Every structure is written in C-alpha cells, then in structure tokens.
Amino acid sequence: KGIPVGLNWTWMFVFILVFWSLASVLFPDDYPGLSATS
C-alpha cells in the first residue's frame, strides 16, 4: 500500500543468534534424543 518494507543488515545477526540458541540449547533440552537435523 505504498509503504516500502526493508531489512536492515543487523536482522541477519539476530536471525543467526535466535536460530543458534533454539537449535543448540532450547530444543535439545526440551526434546532430547532427536537428530541434529531435526
């Protein structure tokens, strides 16, 4: 609707940080025994 939507480069850093914390800490603790790919 005429509003430009943009992405700042810092979002990539935050994306990686959230992804890493979920994949390496939260999900393995909450759902033990799954594969790394899962």
PDB file of all heavy atoms in Angstrom:
ATOM      1  N   LYS A   1       0.825  -1.217   0.000  1.00  0.00           N
ATOM      2  CA  LYS A   1       0.000   0.000   0.000  1.00  0.00           C
ATOM      3  C   LYS A   1       0.855   1.261   0.000  1.00  0.00           C
ATOM      4  O   LYS A   1       0.571   2.224   0.710  1.00  0.00           O
ATOM      5  CB  LYS A   1      -0.965  -0.009   1.180  1.00  0.00           C
ATOM      6  CG  LYS A   1      -1.969  -1.107   1.124  1.00  0.00           C
ATOM      7  CD  LYS A   1      -3.268  -0.663   1.695  1.00  0.00           C
ATOM      8  CE  LYS A   1      -4.246  -1.803   1.560  1.00  0.00           C
ATOM      9  NZ  LYS A   1      -5.533  -1.345   1.176  1.00  0.00           N
ATOM     10  N   GLY A   2       1.924   1.244  -0.768  1.00  0.00           N
ATOM     11  CA  GLY A   2       2.791   2.403  -0.884  1.00  0.00           C
ATOM     12  C   GLY A   2       3.832   2.542   0.212  1.00  0.00           C
ATOM     13  O   GLY A   2       4.583   3.509   0.233  1.00  0.00           O
ATOM     14  N   ILE A   3       3.883   1.587   1.116  1.00  0.00           N
ATOM     15  CA  ILE A   3       4.854   1.626   2.220  1.00  0.00           C
ATOM     16  C   ILE A   3       5.997   0.682   1.880  1.00  0.00           C
ATOM     17  O   ILE A   3       5.805  -0.532   1.785  1.00  0.00           O
ATOM     18  CB  ILE A   3       4.214   1.176   3.551  1.00  0.00           C
ATOM     19  CG1 ILE A   3       2.987   2.010   3.881  1.00  0.00           C
ATOM     20  CG2 ILE A   3       5.233   1.238   4.675  1.00  0.00           C
ATOM     21  CD1 ILE A   3       2.161   1.434   5.019  1.00  0.00           C
ATOM     22  N   PRO A   4       7.212   1.217   1.692  1.00  0.00           N
ATOM     23  CA  PRO A   4       8.346   0.329   1.443  1.00  0.00           C
ATOM     24  C   PRO A   4       8.714  -0.462   2.704  1.00  0.00           C
ATOM     25  O   PRO A   4       8.759   0.089   3.794  1.00  0.00           O
ATOM     26  CB  PRO A   4       9.476   1.270   1.046  1.00  0.00           C
ATOM     27  CG  PRO A   4       8.989   2.642   1.261  1.00  0.00           C
ATOM     28  CD  PRO A   4       7.556   2.611   1.626  1.00  0.00           C
ATOM     29  N   VAL A   5       8.940  -1.743   2.537  1.00  0.00           N
ATOM     30  CA  VAL A   5       9.341  -2.617   3.638  1.00  0.00           C
ATOM     31  C   VAL A   5      10.783  -3.037   3.371  1.00  0.00           C
ATOM     32  O   VAL A   5      11.084  -3.586   2.319  1.00  0.00           O
ATOM     33  CB  VAL A   5       8.426  -3.855   3.739  1.00  0.00           C
ATOM     34  CG1 VAL A   5       8.887  -4.779   4.850  1.00  0.00           C
ATOM     35  CG2 VAL A   5       6.982  -3.431   3.950  1.00  0.00           C
ATOM     36  N   GLY A   6      11.639  -2.739   4.339  1.00  0.00           N
ATOM     37  CA  GLY A   6      13.052  -3.034   4.168  1.00  0.00           C
ATOM     38  C   GLY A   6      13.609  -3.891   5.283  1.00  0.00           C
ATOM     39  O   GLY A   6      12.968  -4.113   6.306  1.00  0.00           O
ATOM     40  N   LEU A   7      14.817  -4.360   5.054  1.00  0.00           N
ATOM     41  CA  LEU A   7      15.504  -5.219   6.005  1.00  0.00           C
ATOM     42  C   LEU A   7      16.871  -4.621   6.296  1.00  0.00           C
ATOM     43  O   LEU A   7      17.650  -4.360   5.378  1.00  0.00           O
ATOM     44  CB  LEU A   7      15.661  -6.623   5.413  1.00  0.00           C
ATOM     45  CG  LEU A   7      16.273  -7.692   6.284  1.00  0.00           C
ATOM     46  CD1 LEU A   7      15.350  -7.999   7.452  1.00  0.00           C
ATOM     47  CD2 LEU A   7      16.503  -8.947   5.466  1.00  0.00           C
ATOM     48  N   ASN A   8      17.150  -4.398   7.561  1.00  0.00           N
ATOM     49  CA  ASN A   8      18.445  -3.896   7.985  1.00  0.00           C
ATOM     50  C   ASN A   8      19.400  -5.072   8.144  1.00  0.00           C
ATOM     51  O   ASN A   8      18.989  -6.161   8.539  1.00  0.00           O
ATOM     52  CB  ASN A   8      18.288  -3.133   9.306  1.00  0.00           C
ATOM     53  CG  ASN A   8      19.532  -2.385   9.695  1.00  0.00           C
ATOM     54  OD1 ASN A   8      20.518  -2.979  10.083  1.00  0.00           O
ATOM     55  ND2 ASN A   8      19.476  -1.074   9.588  1.00  0.00           N
ATOM     56  N   TRP A   9      20.672  -4.855   7.870  1.00  0.00           N
ATOM     57  CA  TRP A   9      21.653  -5.933   7.933  1.00  0.00           C
ATOM     58  C   TRP A   9      21.763  -6.528   9.327  1.00  0.00           C
ATOM     59  O   TRP A   9      22.151  -7.683   9.485  1.00  0.00           O
ATOM     60  CB  TRP A   9      23.011  -5.454   7.450  1.00  0.00           C
ATOM     61  CG  TRP A   9      23.653  -4.451   8.347  1.00  0.00           C
ATOM     62  CD1 TRP A   9      23.518  -3.098   8.298  1.00  0.00           C
ATOM     63  CD2 TRP A   9      24.517  -4.708   9.456  1.00  0.00           C
ATOM     64  NE1 TRP A   9      24.231  -2.500   9.293  1.00  0.00           N
ATOM     65  CE2 TRP A   9      24.859  -3.475  10.028  1.00  0.00           C
ATOM     66  CE3 TRP A   9      25.028  -5.875  10.021  1.00  0.00           C
ATOM     67  CZ2 TRP A   9      25.681  -3.371  11.135  1.00  0.00           C
ATOM     68  CZ3 TRP A   9      25.858  -5.759  11.130  1.00  0.00           C
ATOM     69  CH2 TRP A   9      26.179  -4.518  11.670  1.00  0.00           C
ATOM     70  N   THR A  10      21.408  -5.792  10.376  1.00  0.00           N
ATOM     71  CA  THR A  10      21.509  -6.309  11.745  1.00  0.00           C
ATOM     72  C   THR A  10      20.520  -7.444  12.000  1.00  0.00           C
ATOM     73  O   THR A  10      20.731  -8.254  12.896  1.00  0.00           O
ATOM     74  CB  THR A  10      21.289  -5.195  12.771  1.00  0.00           C
ATOM     75  OG1 THR A  10      20.019  -4.580  12.539  1.00  0.00           O
ATOM     76  CG2 THR A  10      22.384  -4.152  12.685  1.00  0.00           C
ATOM     77  N   TRP A  11      19.458  -7.514  11.187  1.00  0.00           N
ATOM     78  CA  TRP A  11      18.500  -8.596  11.355  1.00  0.00           C
ATOM     79  C   TRP A  11      19.139  -9.941  11.075  1.00  0.00           C
ATOM     80  O   TRP A  11      18.742 -10.951  11.659  1.00  0.00           O
ATOM     81  CB  TRP A  11      17.285  -8.371  10.459  1.00  0.00           C
ATOM     82  CG  TRP A  11      16.316  -7.441  11.107  1.00  0.00           C
ATOM     83  CD1 TRP A  11      16.397  -6.087  11.170  1.00  0.00           C
ATOM     84  CD2 TRP A  11      15.144  -7.794  11.826  1.00  0.00           C
ATOM     85  NE1 TRP A  11      15.349  -5.586  11.866  1.00  0.00           N
ATOM     86  CE2 TRP A  11      14.556  -6.611  12.287  1.00  0.00           C
ATOM     87  CE3 TRP A  11      14.540  -9.011  12.113  1.00  0.00           C
ATOM     88  CZ2 TRP A  11      13.394  -6.606  13.028  1.00  0.00           C
ATOM     89  CZ3 TRP A  11      13.368  -8.986  12.846  1.00  0.00           C
ATOM     90  CH2 TRP A  11      12.811  -7.804  13.296  1.00  0.00           C
ATOM     91  N   MET A  12      20.119  -9.992  10.202  1.00  0.00           N
ATOM     92  CA  MET A  12      20.799 -11.259   9.930  1.00  0.00           C
ATOM     93  C   MET A  12      21.524 -11.745  11.185  1.00  0.00           C
ATOM     94  O   MET A  12      21.482 -12.933  11.513  1.00  0.00           O
ATOM     95  CB  MET A  12      21.792 -11.098   8.769  1.00  0.00           C
ATOM     96  CG  MET A  12      22.467 -12.388   8.379  1.00  0.00           C
ATOM     97  SD  MET A  12      21.340 -13.709   7.911  1.00  0.00           S
ATOM     98  CE  MET A  12      20.767 -13.117   6.355  1.00  0.00           C
ATOM     99  N   PHE A  13      22.142 -10.836  11.896  1.00  0.00           N
ATOM    100  CA  PHE A  13      22.816 -11.187  13.140  1.00  0.00           C
ATOM    101  C   PHE A  13      21.807 -11.729  14.153  1.00  0.00           C
ATOM    102  O   PHE A  13      22.046 -12.764  14.788  1.00  0.00           O
ATOM    103  CB  PHE A  13      23.554  -9.968  13.709  1.00  0.00           C
ATOM    104  CG  PHE A  13      24.158 -10.195  15.047  1.00  0.00           C
ATOM    105  CD1 PHE A  13      25.282 -10.985  15.199  1.00  0.00           C
ATOM    106  CD2 PHE A  13      23.602  -9.616  16.175  1.00  0.00           C
ATOM    107  CE1 PHE A  13      25.842 -11.212  16.445  1.00  0.00           C
ATOM    108  CE2 PHE A  13      24.146  -9.831  17.423  1.00  0.00           C
ATOM    109  CZ  PHE A  13      25.269 -10.638  17.559  1.00  0.00           C
ATOM    110  N   VAL A  14      20.681 -11.063  14.297  1.00  0.00           N
ATOM    111  CA  VAL A  14      19.657 -11.501  15.245  1.00  0.00           C
ATOM    112  C   VAL A  14      19.058 -12.840  14.797  1.00  0.00           C
ATOM    113  O   VAL A  14      18.814 -13.723  15.617  1.00  0.00           O
ATOM    114  CB  VAL A  14      18.562 -10.418  15.412  1.00  0.00           C
ATOM    115  CG1 VAL A  14      17.449 -10.903  16.313  1.00  0.00           C
ATOM    116  CG2 VAL A  14      19.167  -9.137  15.951  1.00  0.00           C
ATOM    117  N   PHE A  15      18.829 -13.004  13.493  1.00  0.00           N
ATOM    118  CA  PHE A  15      18.309 -14.265  12.964  1.00  0.00           C
ATOM    119  C   PHE A  15      19.235 -15.419  13.332  1.00  0.00           C
ATOM    120  O   PHE A  15      18.792 -16.452  13.823  1.00  0.00           O
ATOM    121  CB  PHE A  15      18.152 -14.169  11.440  1.00  0.00           C
ATOM    122  CG  PHE A  15      17.503 -15.368  10.810  1.00  0.00           C
ATOM    123  CD1 PHE A  15      16.144 -15.369  10.561  1.00  0.00           C
ATOM    124  CD2 PHE A  15      18.248 -16.482  10.466  1.00  0.00           C
ATOM    125  CE1 PHE A  15      15.535 -16.471   9.991  1.00  0.00           C
ATOM    126  CE2 PHE A  15      17.648 -17.587   9.899  1.00  0.00           C
ATOM    127  CZ  PHE A  15      16.278 -17.583   9.655  1.00  0.00           C
ATOM    128  N   ILE A  16      20.527 -15.227  13.100  1.00  0.00           N
ATOM    129  CA  ILE A  16      21.507 -16.271  13.406  1.00  0.00           C
ATOM    130  C   ILE A  16      21.553 -16.556  14.908  1.00  0.00           C
ATOM    131  O   ILE A  16      21.606 -17.716  15.329  1.00  0.00           O
ATOM    132  CB  ILE A  16      22.895 -15.882  12.867  1.00  0.00           C
ATOM    133  CG1 ILE A  16      22.882 -15.915  11.335  1.00  0.00           C
ATOM    134  CG2 ILE A  16      23.987 -16.793  13.418  1.00  0.00           C
ATOM    135  CD1 ILE A  16      24.090 -15.293  10.687  1.00  0.00           C
ATOM    136  N   LEU A  17      21.487 -15.520  15.716  1.00  0.00           N
ATOM    137  CA  LEU A  17      21.522 -15.692  17.167  1.00  0.00           C
ATOM    138  C   LEU A  17      20.306 -16.466  17.667  1.00  0.00           C
ATOM    139  O   LEU A  17      20.438 -17.392  18.481  1.00  0.00           O
ATOM    140  CB  LEU A  17      21.608 -14.326  17.846  1.00  0.00           C
ATOM    141  CG  LEU A  17      21.795 -14.314  19.351  1.00  0.00           C
ATOM    142  CD1 LEU A  17      23.110 -14.982  19.725  1.00  0.00           C
ATOM    143  CD2 LEU A  17      21.767 -12.883  19.856  1.00  0.00           C
ATOM    144  N   VAL A  18      19.117 -16.119  17.192  1.00  0.00           N
ATOM    145  CA  VAL A  18      17.897 -16.834  17.594  1.00  0.00           C
ATOM    146  C   VAL A  18      17.951 -18.280  17.098  1.00  0.00           C
ATOM    147  O   VAL A  18      17.661 -19.215  17.854  1.00  0.00           O
ATOM    148  CB  VAL A  18      16.638 -16.104  17.068  1.00  0.00           C
ATOM    149  CG1 VAL A  18      15.384 -16.941  17.263  1.00  0.00           C
ATOM    150  CG2 VAL A  18      16.480 -14.745  17.746  1.00  0.00           C
ATOM    151  N   PHE A  19      18.332 -18.462  15.844  1.00  0.00           N
ATOM    152  CA  PHE A  19      18.433 -19.808  15.266  1.00  0.00           C
ATOM    153  C   PHE A  19      19.407 -20.667  16.069  1.00  0.00           C
ATOM    154  O   PHE A  19      19.097 -21.809  16.439  1.00  0.00           O
ATOM    155  CB  PHE A  19      18.879 -19.705  13.806  1.00  0.00           C
ATOM    156  CG  PHE A  19      19.168 -21.020  13.160  1.00  0.00           C
ATOM    157  CD1 PHE A  19      18.136 -21.828  12.724  1.00  0.00           C
ATOM    158  CD2 PHE A  19      20.475 -21.458  12.995  1.00  0.00           C
ATOM    159  CE1 PHE A  19      18.401 -23.052  12.123  1.00  0.00           C
ATOM    160  CE2 PHE A  19      20.741 -22.679  12.409  1.00  0.00           C
ATOM    161  CZ  PHE A  19      19.700 -23.472  11.964  1.00  0.00           C
ATOM    162  N   TRP A  20      20.569 -20.143  16.360  1.00  0.00           N
ATOM    163  CA  TRP A  20      21.595 -20.887  17.093  1.00  0.00           C
ATOM    164  C   TRP A  20      21.108 -21.257  18.495  1.00  0.00           C
ATOM    165  O   TRP A  20      21.291 -22.391  18.952  1.00  0.00           O
ATOM    166  CB  TRP A  20      22.878 -20.069  17.170  1.00  0.00           C
ATOM    167  CG  TRP A  20      23.894 -20.681  18.070  1.00  0.00           C
ATOM    168  CD1 TRP A  20      24.706 -21.742  17.810  1.00  0.00           C
ATOM    169  CD2 TRP A  20      24.180 -20.293  19.414  1.00  0.00           C
ATOM    170  NE1 TRP A  20      25.480 -22.034  18.899  1.00  0.00           N
ATOM    171  CE2 TRP A  20      25.180 -21.153  19.905  1.00  0.00           C
ATOM    172  CE3 TRP A  20      23.677 -19.289  20.244  1.00  0.00           C
ATOM    173  CZ2 TRP A  20      25.683 -21.041  21.185  1.00  0.00           C
ATOM    174  CZ3 TRP A  20      24.186 -19.182  21.514  1.00  0.00           C
ATOM    175  CH2 TRP A  20      25.181 -20.051  21.981  1.00  0.00           C
ATOM    176  N   SER A  21      20.482 -20.303  19.193  1.00  0.00           N
ATOM    177  CA  SER A  21      20.040 -20.596  20.558  1.00  0.00           C
ATOM    178  C   SER A  21      18.924 -21.640  20.576  1.00  0.00           C
ATOM    179  O   SER A  21      18.879 -22.486  21.474  1.00  0.00           O
ATOM    180  CB  SER A  21      19.609 -19.322  21.280  1.00  0.00           C
ATOM    181  OG  SER A  21      18.488 -18.750  20.657  1.00  0.00           O
ATOM    182  N   LEU A  22      18.045 -21.613  19.586  1.00  0.00           N
ATOM    183  CA  LEU A  22      16.996 -22.633  19.520  1.00  0.00           C
ATOM    184  C   LEU A  22      17.576 -24.005  19.180  1.00  0.00           C
ATOM    185  O   LEU A  22      17.231 -25.005  19.797  1.00  0.00           O
ATOM    186  CB  LEU A  22      15.943 -22.243  18.477  1.00  0.00           C
ATOM    187  CG  LEU A  22      15.049 -21.064  18.813  1.00  0.00           C
ATOM    188  CD1 LEU A  22      14.163 -20.720  17.629  1.00  0.00           C
ATOM    189  CD2 LEU A  22      14.223 -21.332  20.048  1.00  0.00           C
ATOM    190  N   ALA A  23      18.458 -24.045  18.177  1.00  0.00           N
ATOM    191  CA  ALA A  23      18.993 -25.325  17.695  1.00  0.00           C
ATOM    192  C   ALA A  23      19.964 -25.972  18.666  1.00  0.00           C
ATOM    193  O   ALA A  23      20.043 -27.201  18.738  1.00  0.00           O
ATOM    194  CB  ALA A  23      19.671 -25.128  16.343  1.00  0.00           C
ATOM    195  N   SER A  24      20.701 -25.164  19.405  1.00  0.00           N
ATOM    196  CA  SER A  24      21.752 -25.756  20.241  1.00  0.00           C
ATOM    197  C   SER A  24      21.410 -25.829  21.723  1.00  0.00           C
ATOM    198  O   SER A  24      22.034 -26.607  22.447  1.00  0.00           O
ATOM    199  CB  SER A  24      23.057 -24.975  20.066  1.00  0.00           C
ATOM    200  OG  SER A  24      22.903 -23.661  20.551  1.00  0.00           O
ATOM    201  N   VAL A  25      20.425 -25.057  22.163  1.00  0.00           N
ATOM    202  CA  VAL A  25      20.122 -25.044  23.596  1.00  0.00           C
ATOM    203  C   VAL A  25      18.666 -25.438  23.875  1.00  0.00           C
ATOM    204  O   VAL A  25      18.405 -26.431  24.549  1.00  0.00           O
ATOM    205  CB  VAL A  25      20.416 -23.655  24.214  1.00  0.00           C
ATOM    206  CG1 VAL A  25      20.062 -23.639  25.689  1.00  0.00           C
ATOM    207  CG2 VAL A  25      21.864 -23.259  24.002  1.00  0.00           C
ATOM    208  N   LEU A  26      17.739 -24.668  23.385  1.00  0.00           N
ATOM    209  CA  LEU A  26      16.340 -24.853  23.776  1.00  0.00           C
ATOM    210  C   LEU A  26      15.759 -26.183  23.305  1.00  0.00           C
ATOM    211  O   LEU A  26      15.242 -26.963  24.112  1.00  0.00           O
ATOM    212  CB  LEU A  26      15.484 -23.693  23.256  1.00  0.00           C
ATOM    213  CG  LEU A  26      14.021 -23.764  23.689  1.00  0.00           C
ATOM    214  CD1 LEU A  26      13.902 -23.435  25.162  1.00  0.00           C
ATOM    215  CD2 LEU A  26      13.162 -22.867  22.855  1.00  0.00           C
ATOM    216  N   PHE A  27      15.808 -26.456  22.016  1.00  0.00           N
ATOM    217  CA  PHE A  27      15.190 -27.679  21.500  1.00  0.00           C
ATOM    218  C   PHE A  27      15.872 -28.954  21.995  1.00  0.00           C
ATOM    219  O   PHE A  27      15.184 -29.909  22.365  1.00  0.00           O
ATOM    220  CB  PHE A  27      15.087 -27.642  19.983  1.00  0.00           C
ATOM    221  CG  PHE A  27      14.065 -26.656  19.483  1.00  0.00           C
ATOM    222  CD1 PHE A  27      14.251 -25.991  18.283  1.00  0.00           C
ATOM    223  CD2 PHE A  27      12.904 -26.378  20.192  1.00  0.00           C
ATOM    224  CE1 PHE A  27      13.308 -25.087  17.810  1.00  0.00           C
ATOM    225  CE2 PHE A  27      11.959 -25.476  19.731  1.00  0.00           C
ATOM    226  CZ  PHE A  27      12.159 -24.821  18.543  1.00  0.00           C
ATOM    227  N   PRO A  28      17.209 -29.029  22.049  1.00  0.00           N
ATOM    228  CA  PRO A  28      17.828 -30.250  22.607  1.00  0.00           C
ATOM    229  C   PRO A  28      17.471 -30.485  24.078  1.00  0.00           C
ATOM    230  O   PRO A  28      17.337 -31.631  24.506  1.00  0.00           O
ATOM    231  CB  PRO A  28      19.324 -30.010  22.434  1.00  0.00           C
ATOM    232  CG  PRO A  28      19.415 -29.082  21.272  1.00  0.00           C
ATOM    233  CD  PRO A  28      18.221 -28.180  21.407  1.00  0.00           C
ATOM    234  N   ASP A  29      17.308 -29.405  24.845  1.00  0.00           N
ATOM    235  CA  ASP A  29      16.923 -29.565  26.250  1.00  0.00           C
ATOM    236  C   ASP A  29      15.467 -29.997  26.391  1.00  0.00           C
ATOM    237  O   ASP A  29      15.136 -30.809  27.253  1.00  0.00           O
ATOM    238  CB  ASP A  29      17.137 -28.263  27.025  1.00  0.00           C
ATOM    239  CG  ASP A  29      18.596 -27.972  27.303  1.00  0.00           C
ATOM    240  OD1 ASP A  29      19.430 -28.873  27.091  1.00  0.00           O
ATOM    241  OD2 ASP A  29      18.896 -26.842  27.729  1.00  0.00           O
ATOM    242  N   ASP A  30      14.594 -29.427  25.568  1.00  0.00           N
ATOM    243  CA  ASP A  30      13.165 -29.723  25.671  1.00  0.00           C
ATOM    244  C   ASP A  30      12.753 -31.004  24.969  1.00  0.00           C
ATOM    245  O   ASP A  30      11.762 -31.633  25.337  1.00  0.00           O
ATOM    246  CB  ASP A  30      12.340 -28.558  25.115  1.00  0.00           C
ATOM    247  CG  ASP A  30      12.359 -27.341  26.027  1.00  0.00           C
ATOM    248  OD1 ASP A  30      12.819 -27.471  27.181  1.00  0.00           O
ATOM    249  OD2 ASP A  30      11.917 -26.265  25.585  1.00  0.00           O
ATOM    250  N   TYR A  31      13.466 -31.383  23.927  1.00  0.00           N
ATOM    251  CA  TYR A  31      13.140 -32.582  23.143  1.00  0.00           C
ATOM    252  C   TYR A  31      14.399 -33.432  22.948  1.00  0.00           C
ATOM    253  O   TYR A  31      14.930 -33.524  21.845  1.00  0.00           O
ATOM    254  CB  TYR A  31      12.562 -32.184  21.777  1.00  0.00           C
ATOM    255  CG  TYR A  31      11.386 -31.256  21.885  1.00  0.00           C
ATOM    256  CD1 TYR A  31      11.526 -29.891  21.653  1.00  0.00           C
ATOM    257  CD2 TYR A  31      10.128 -31.733  22.239  1.00  0.00           C
ATOM    258  CE1 TYR A  31      10.449 -29.035  21.765  1.00  0.00           C
ATOM    259  CE2 TYR A  31       9.043 -30.884  22.361  1.00  0.00           C
ATOM    260  CZ  TYR A  31       9.210 -29.538  22.118  1.00  0.00           C
ATOM    261  OH  TYR A  31       8.138 -28.686  22.246  1.00  0.00           O
ATOM    262  N   PRO A  32      14.875 -34.078  24.004  1.00  0.00           N
ATOM    263  CA  PRO A  32      16.111 -34.857  23.893  1.00  0.00           C
ATOM    264  C   PRO A  32      15.928 -36.089  23.009  1.00  0.00           C
ATOM    265  O   PRO A  32      14.831 -36.635  22.880  1.00  0.00           O
ATOM    266  CB  PRO A  32      16.411 -35.261  25.340  1.00  0.00           C
ATOM    267  CG  PRO A  32      15.104 -35.183  26.044  1.00  0.00           C
ATOM    268  CD  PRO A  32      14.307 -34.130  25.349  1.00  0.00           C
ATOM    269  N   GLY A  33      17.023 -36.503  22.377  1.00  0.00           N
ATOM    270  CA  GLY A  33      17.032 -37.739  21.612  1.00  0.00           C
ATOM    271  C   GLY A  33      16.752 -37.593  20.133  1.00  0.00           C
ATOM    272  O   GLY A  33      16.781 -38.582  19.408  1.00  0.00           O
ATOM    273  N   LEU A  34      16.483 -36.390  19.653  1.00  0.00           N
ATOM    274  CA  LEU A  34      16.249 -36.193  18.224  1.00  0.00           C
ATOM    275  C   LEU A  34      17.587 -36.013  17.504  1.00  0.00           C
ATOM    276  O   LEU A  34      18.611 -35.730  18.120  1.00  0.00           O
ATOM    277  CB  LEU A  34      15.363 -34.973  17.986  1.00  0.00           C
ATOM    278  CG  LEU A  34      13.956 -35.013  18.588  1.00  0.00           C
ATOM    279  CD1 LEU A  34      13.231 -33.706  18.323  1.00  0.00           C
ATOM    280  CD2 LEU A  34      13.172 -36.184  18.032  1.00  0.00           C
ATOM    281  N   SER A  35      17.562 -36.124  16.204  1.00  0.00           N
ATOM    282  CA  SER A  35      18.790 -35.942  15.426  1.00  0.00           C
ATOM    283  C   SER A  35      19.134 -34.456  15.317  1.00  0.00           C
ATOM    284  O   SER A  35      18.272 -33.590  15.502  1.00  0.00           O
ATOM    285  CB  SER A  35      18.616 -36.525  14.025  1.00  0.00           C
ATOM    286  OG  SER A  35      17.682 -35.758  13.290  1.00  0.00           O
ATOM    287  N   ALA A  36      20.377 -34.186  14.997  1.00  0.00           N
ATOM    288  CA  ALA A  36      20.823 -32.804  14.817  1.00  0.00           C
ATOM    289  C   ALA A  36      20.056 -32.125  13.689  1.00  0.00           C
ATOM    290  O   ALA A  36      19.725 -30.941  13.777  1.00  0.00           O
ATOM    291  CB  ALA A  36      22.320 -32.762  14.546  1.00  0.00           C
ATOM    292  N   THR A  37      19.748 -32.883  12.654  1.00  0.00           N
ATOM    293  CA  THR A  37      18.986 -32.332  11.530  1.00  0.00           C
ATOM    294  C   THR A  37      17.592 -31.901  11.978  1.00  0.00           C
ATOM    295  O   THR A  37      17.088 -30.874  11.531  1.00  0.00           O
ATOM    296  CB  THR A  37      18.874 -33.377  10.395  1.00  0.00           C
ATOM    297  OG1 THR A  37      20.188 -33.800  10.041  1.00  0.00           O
ATOM    298  CG2 THR A  37      18.176 -32.804   9.185  1.00  0.00           C
ATOM    299  N   SER A  38      16.996 -32.675  12.862  1.00  0.00           N
ATOM    300  CA  SER A  38      15.671 -32.304  13.380  1.00  0.00           C
ATOM    301  C   SER A  38      15.730 -30.997  14.155  1.00  0.00           C
ATOM    302  O   SER A  38      14.863 -30.137  13.996  1.00  0.00           O
ATOM    303  CB  SER A  38      15.131 -33.413  14.289  1.00  0.00           C
ATOM    304  OG  SER A  38      14.909 -34.587  13.571  1.00  0.00           O
TER     305      SER A  38
END
